[in-house]
């Protein structure tokens, strides 16, 4: 069952907009200040019928209590995974796993050439595939057919490691982090591949705050519903649907 999600900082209006748009899964953006208030954040998040993943802070100069707070929030929300960038994983994964042995860490690809992309996938035990980064930095804005070939080749080798997906609506020559509906053909192709390989994590329309509007969020939900109808798989859902 594919599960489409949106990503936002954990503030009440953002939860409300996502819920009204029709999302039932969310990835929560975190920083040290959010983690310091993790109990209140958990209480707010549990007020919505979402399944969650969390994104470990991209910058954390001094870990202090933030590692334990991140693990506590993950547990409180029964998260699917914790997305983390490679430098933070290398620095903190041992302590994170000591605090939470069942933590499903998912290391995200970023500015990787093809050789380093393969090394990233081979070396890390859990992966978060950012399709936008793959297209822009690894495939170097090559043709869509090549991107989809690369996604399929990745899934053939590493589907068992894949825990999370970022799927904004990237198109070469345009800005990053736009809604999925901005790149319908690419998104439909990737969704179909993920369905073929029976991916069970969250697929996140990771967009800039400027696009976290009721209309843009709703358009992404409708795009997923359209793919689901075309894919003719009634078992698929927006997470939590019967």
Protein backbone atom coordinates (compact mmCIF):
# COMPACT_ATOMS: atom_id res chain seq x y z
CA UNK A 1 0.00 0.00 0.00
CA UNK A 2 1.57 3.28 -1.10
CA UNK A 3 1.28 6.09 1.42
CA UNK A 4 1.61 9.69 0.27
CA UNK A 5 2.62 12.32 2.82
CA UNK A 6 3.46 15.98 3.18
CA UNK A 7 6.28 17.55 5.18
CA UNK A 8 6.03 20.53 7.51
CA UNK A 9 7.29 22.06 10.73
CA UNK A 10 5.08 20.79 13.58
CA UNK A 11 2.83 23.80 14.14
CA UNK A 12 -0.90 23.56 14.64
CA UNK A 13 -1.91 25.47 11.46
CA UNK A 14 0.31 23.18 9.37
CA UNK A 15 -1.28 20.05 10.82
CA UNK A 16 -4.69 21.51 10.14
CA UNK A 17 -3.95 22.47 6.52
CA UNK A 18 -2.53 19.05 5.74
CA UNK A 19 -5.49 17.28 7.31
CA UNK A 20 -8.06 19.40 5.48
CA UNK A 21 -6.26 18.81 2.19
CA UNK A 22 -6.73 15.07 2.65
CA UNK A 23 -3.29 13.88 3.77
CA UNK A 24 -3.16 11.16 6.38
CA UNK A 25 0.63 10.86 6.63
CA UNK A 26 3.23 13.47 7.48
CA UNK A 27 6.96 13.94 7.85
CA UNK A 28 7.83 16.38 10.62
CA UNK A 29 10.71 18.82 10.20
CA UNK A 30 12.76 19.09 13.39
CA UNK A 31 15.38 21.36 14.90
CA UNK A 32 16.82 21.67 18.40
CA UNK A 33 14.07 24.09 19.51
CA UNK A 34 11.31 21.74 18.33
CA UNK A 35 12.95 18.79 20.05
CA UNK A 36 13.25 20.70 23.33
CA UNK A 37 9.44 20.88 23.27
CA UNK A 38 8.95 17.31 22.06
CA UNK A 39 6.24 16.37 24.58
CA UNK A 40 3.98 19.24 23.47
CA UNK A 41 4.70 18.40 19.82
CA UNK A 42 3.77 14.77 20.43
CA UNK A 43 0.53 15.80 22.09
CA UNK A 44 -0.35 18.07 19.18
CA UNK A 45 0.54 15.43 16.58
CA UNK A 46 -1.55 12.74 18.28
CA UNK A 47 -4.58 14.98 17.81
CA UNK A 48 -4.51 14.21 14.07
CA UNK A 49 -5.07 10.82 12.37
CA UNK A 50 -1.65 10.80 10.74
CA UNK A 51 1.06 8.21 10.39
CA UNK A 52 4.41 9.90 10.93
CA UNK A 53 8.06 10.02 10.02
CA UNK A 54 10.48 12.58 11.43
CA UNK A 55 13.46 14.32 9.86
CA UNK A 56 16.43 14.62 12.18
CA UNK A 57 17.78 18.21 12.34
CA UNK A 58 20.02 19.10 9.40
CA UNK A 59 22.22 21.19 11.69
CA UNK A 60 23.03 20.26 15.25
CA UNK A 61 26.17 21.93 16.55
CA UNK A 62 25.92 20.44 20.03
CA UNK A 63 23.75 17.36 20.41
CA UNK A 64 23.16 17.70 24.15
CA UNK A 65 19.73 16.30 25.01
CA UNK A 66 18.52 16.52 21.37
CA UNK A 67 19.39 12.90 20.56
CA UNK A 68 17.32 11.49 23.40
CA UNK A 69 14.50 13.95 22.63
CA UNK A 70 14.46 12.84 18.99
CA UNK A 71 14.19 9.21 20.03
CA UNK A 72 11.42 10.01 22.52
CA UNK A 73 9.39 11.86 19.87
CA UNK A 74 9.91 9.02 17.40
CA UNK A 75 8.62 6.53 19.96
CA UNK A 76 5.70 8.71 21.06
CA UNK A 77 4.44 8.92 17.47
CA UNK A 78 5.30 5.32 16.52
CA UNK A 79 7.13 6.68 13.48
CA UNK A 80 7.76 4.78 10.27
CA UNK A 81 11.33 6.09 10.06
CA UNK A 82 13.74 8.88 11.00
CA UNK A 83 15.28 10.57 7.96
CA UNK A 84 18.84 11.78 8.53
CA UNK A 85 21.58 13.34 6.40
CA UNK A 86 24.83 11.41 6.00
CA UNK A 87 27.09 13.67 8.11
CA UNK A 88 24.61 13.59 11.01
CA UNK A 89 24.22 9.84 10.65
CA UNK A 90 27.98 9.32 10.71
CA UNK A 91 28.28 11.51 13.81
CA UNK A 92 25.30 10.34 15.83
CA UNK A 93 23.93 6.98 14.68
CA UNK A 94 25.70 4.92 17.33
CA UNK A 95 24.26 6.99 20.16
CA UNK A 96 20.82 7.19 18.52
CA UNK A 97 20.70 3.41 18.21
CA UNK A 98 21.92 2.98 21.75
CA UNK A 99 19.02 5.16 22.92
CA UNK A 100 16.56 3.50 20.53
CA UNK A 101 17.70 0.11 19.22
CA UNK A 102 14.52 -0.27 17.14
CA UNK A 103 15.00 3.11 15.42
CA UNK A 104 14.57 2.87 11.63
CA UNK A 105 17.16 5.38 10.44
CA UNK A 106 16.92 6.34 6.76
CA UNK A 107 19.96 8.13 5.33
CA UNK A 108 19.12 10.58 2.54
CA UNK A 109 21.07 10.92 -0.72
CA UNK A 110 22.12 14.43 -1.71
CA UNK A 111 24.79 15.76 -4.09
CA UNK A 112 26.15 12.40 -5.25
CA UNK A 113 27.65 11.43 -8.60
CA UNK A 114 26.72 7.93 -9.85
CA UNK A 115 29.67 6.23 -8.13
CA UNK A 116 29.05 7.91 -4.78
CA UNK A 117 25.30 7.25 -5.12
CA UNK A 118 26.01 3.53 -5.31
CA UNK A 119 28.42 3.79 -2.38
CA UNK A 120 25.73 5.60 -0.35
CA UNK A 121 23.24 2.83 -1.04
CA UNK A 122 25.73 0.05 -0.28
CA UNK A 123 27.17 1.45 2.95
CA UNK A 124 24.03 2.53 4.81
CA UNK A 125 21.67 0.02 6.45
CA UNK A 126 18.55 2.12 5.80
CA UNK A 127 17.89 4.57 2.97
CA UNK A 128 15.73 7.61 2.20
CA UNK A 129 15.65 8.06 -1.57
CA UNK A 130 15.26 11.70 -2.61
CA UNK A 131 14.17 11.45 -6.26
CA UNK A 132 14.72 15.17 -6.85
CA UNK A 133 18.34 14.90 -5.68
CA UNK A 134 18.80 11.79 -7.82
CA UNK A 135 17.56 13.58 -10.94
CA UNK A 136 19.31 16.92 -10.35
CA UNK A 137 22.68 15.82 -8.96
CA UNK A 138 23.21 12.17 -9.96
CA UNK A 139 21.44 11.95 -13.33
CA UNK A 140 22.43 15.62 -13.92
CA UNK A 141 19.01 16.64 -15.27
CA UNK A 142 19.10 13.92 -17.91
CA UNK A 143 15.98 12.66 -19.73
CA UNK A 144 13.04 11.38 -17.71
CA UNK A 145 13.43 7.89 -19.19
CA UNK A 146 16.94 7.72 -17.78
CA UNK A 147 15.77 8.86 -14.35
CA UNK A 148 13.13 6.13 -14.26
CA UNK A 149 15.71 3.56 -15.37
CA UNK A 150 17.95 4.67 -12.50
CA UNK A 151 15.08 4.42 -9.99
CA UNK A 152 14.23 0.92 -11.21
CA UNK A 153 17.87 -0.20 -11.07
CA UNK A 154 18.14 1.21 -7.55
CA UNK A 155 15.00 -0.64 -6.44
CA UNK A 156 16.20 -3.91 -7.94
CA UNK A 157 19.33 -3.76 -5.79
CA UNK A 158 18.26 -1.90 -2.69
CA UNK A 159 14.48 -2.12 -2.24
CA UNK A 160 15.03 -4.10 0.96
CA UNK A 161 16.93 -1.14 2.44
CA UNK A 162 14.51 1.58 1.32
CA UNK A 163 12.56 3.07 4.23
CA UNK A 164 11.44 6.49 3.00
CA UNK A 165 11.04 8.49 -0.24
CA UNK A 166 11.10 12.22 -0.99
CA UNK A 167 9.17 12.94 -4.20
CA UNK A 168 8.69 16.65 -4.88
CA UNK A 169 7.58 17.68 -8.36
CA UNK A 170 10.99 18.41 -9.82
CA UNK A 171 11.48 19.29 -13.47
CA UNK A 172 14.95 20.10 -14.82
CA UNK A 173 15.44 23.84 -15.26
CA UNK A 174 12.94 24.74 -12.56
CA UNK A 175 13.31 25.39 -8.83
CA UNK A 176 13.54 22.53 -6.35
CA UNK A 177 10.88 21.51 -3.82
CA UNK A 178 7.76 22.20 -5.85
CA UNK A 179 4.54 20.19 -5.42
CA UNK A 180 4.18 16.78 -7.03
CA UNK A 181 1.53 18.02 -9.45
CA UNK A 182 4.21 20.17 -11.14
CA UNK A 183 5.78 16.97 -12.53
CA UNK A 184 2.89 14.60 -13.10
CA UNK A 185 4.62 12.31 -15.63
CA UNK A 186 7.69 11.82 -13.44
CA UNK A 187 5.67 11.32 -10.27
CA UNK A 188 3.36 8.78 -11.90
CA UNK A 189 6.36 6.85 -13.21
CA UNK A 190 8.06 6.74 -9.81
CA UNK A 191 4.84 5.82 -8.00
CA UNK A 192 4.29 2.91 -10.37
CA UNK A 193 7.83 1.65 -9.77
CA UNK A 194 7.41 1.90 -6.01
CA UNK A 195 4.14 -0.02 -6.29
CA UNK A 196 5.84 -2.66 -8.43
CA UNK A 197 8.45 -3.21 -5.72
CA UNK A 198 5.83 -3.09 -2.94
CA UNK A 199 7.33 -0.15 -1.09
CA UNK A 200 5.73 0.26 2.34
CA UNK A 201 7.22 3.50 3.69
CA UNK A 202 6.05 7.10 3.27
CA UNK A 203 6.30 8.94 -0.05
CA UNK A 204 6.65 12.62 0.78
CA UNK A 205 5.79 15.61 -1.37
CA UNK A 206 8.63 17.64 0.12
CA UNK A 207 7.81 21.25 -0.82
CA UNK A 208 8.97 24.70 0.18
CA UNK A 209 6.77 26.59 2.69
CA UNK A 210 5.50 28.85 -0.11
CA UNK A 211 3.67 25.82 -1.55
CA UNK A 212 2.18 24.65 1.72
CA UNK A 213 -1.14 26.23 0.88
CA UNK A 214 -4.59 24.63 0.96
CA UNK A 215 -4.76 24.60 -2.84
CA UNK A 216 -1.29 23.19 -3.49
CA UNK A 217 -1.68 20.51 -0.82
CA UNK A 218 -5.08 19.50 -2.13
CA UNK A 219 -3.74 19.33 -5.69
CA UNK A 220 -1.10 16.83 -4.61
CA UNK A 221 -3.69 14.65 -2.88
CA UNK A 222 -5.85 14.73 -6.02
CA UNK A 223 -2.81 13.86 -8.14
CA UNK A 224 -2.19 10.77 -6.02
CA UNK A 225 -5.87 9.83 -6.23
CA UNK A 226 -5.67 10.12 -10.03
CA UNK A 227 -2.60 7.87 -10.15
CA UNK A 228 -4.37 5.38 -7.92
CA UNK A 229 -7.39 5.28 -10.24
CA UNK A 230 -5.18 4.87 -13.32
CA UNK A 231 -3.10 2.25 -11.58
CA UNK A 232 -6.33 0.34 -10.90
CA UNK A 233 -5.27 -0.79 -7.43
CA UNK A 234 -8.10 -0.21 -4.95
CA UNK A 235 -5.92 -1.32 -2.04
CA UNK A 236 -3.68 1.74 -2.40
CA UNK A 237 -4.39 4.61 -0.04
CA UNK A 238 -3.36 7.96 1.35
CA UNK A 239 -2.38 6.15 4.54
CA UNK A 240 -5.01 4.88 6.88
CA UNK A 241 -7.79 4.56 4.29
CA UNK A 242 -9.81 1.40 4.09
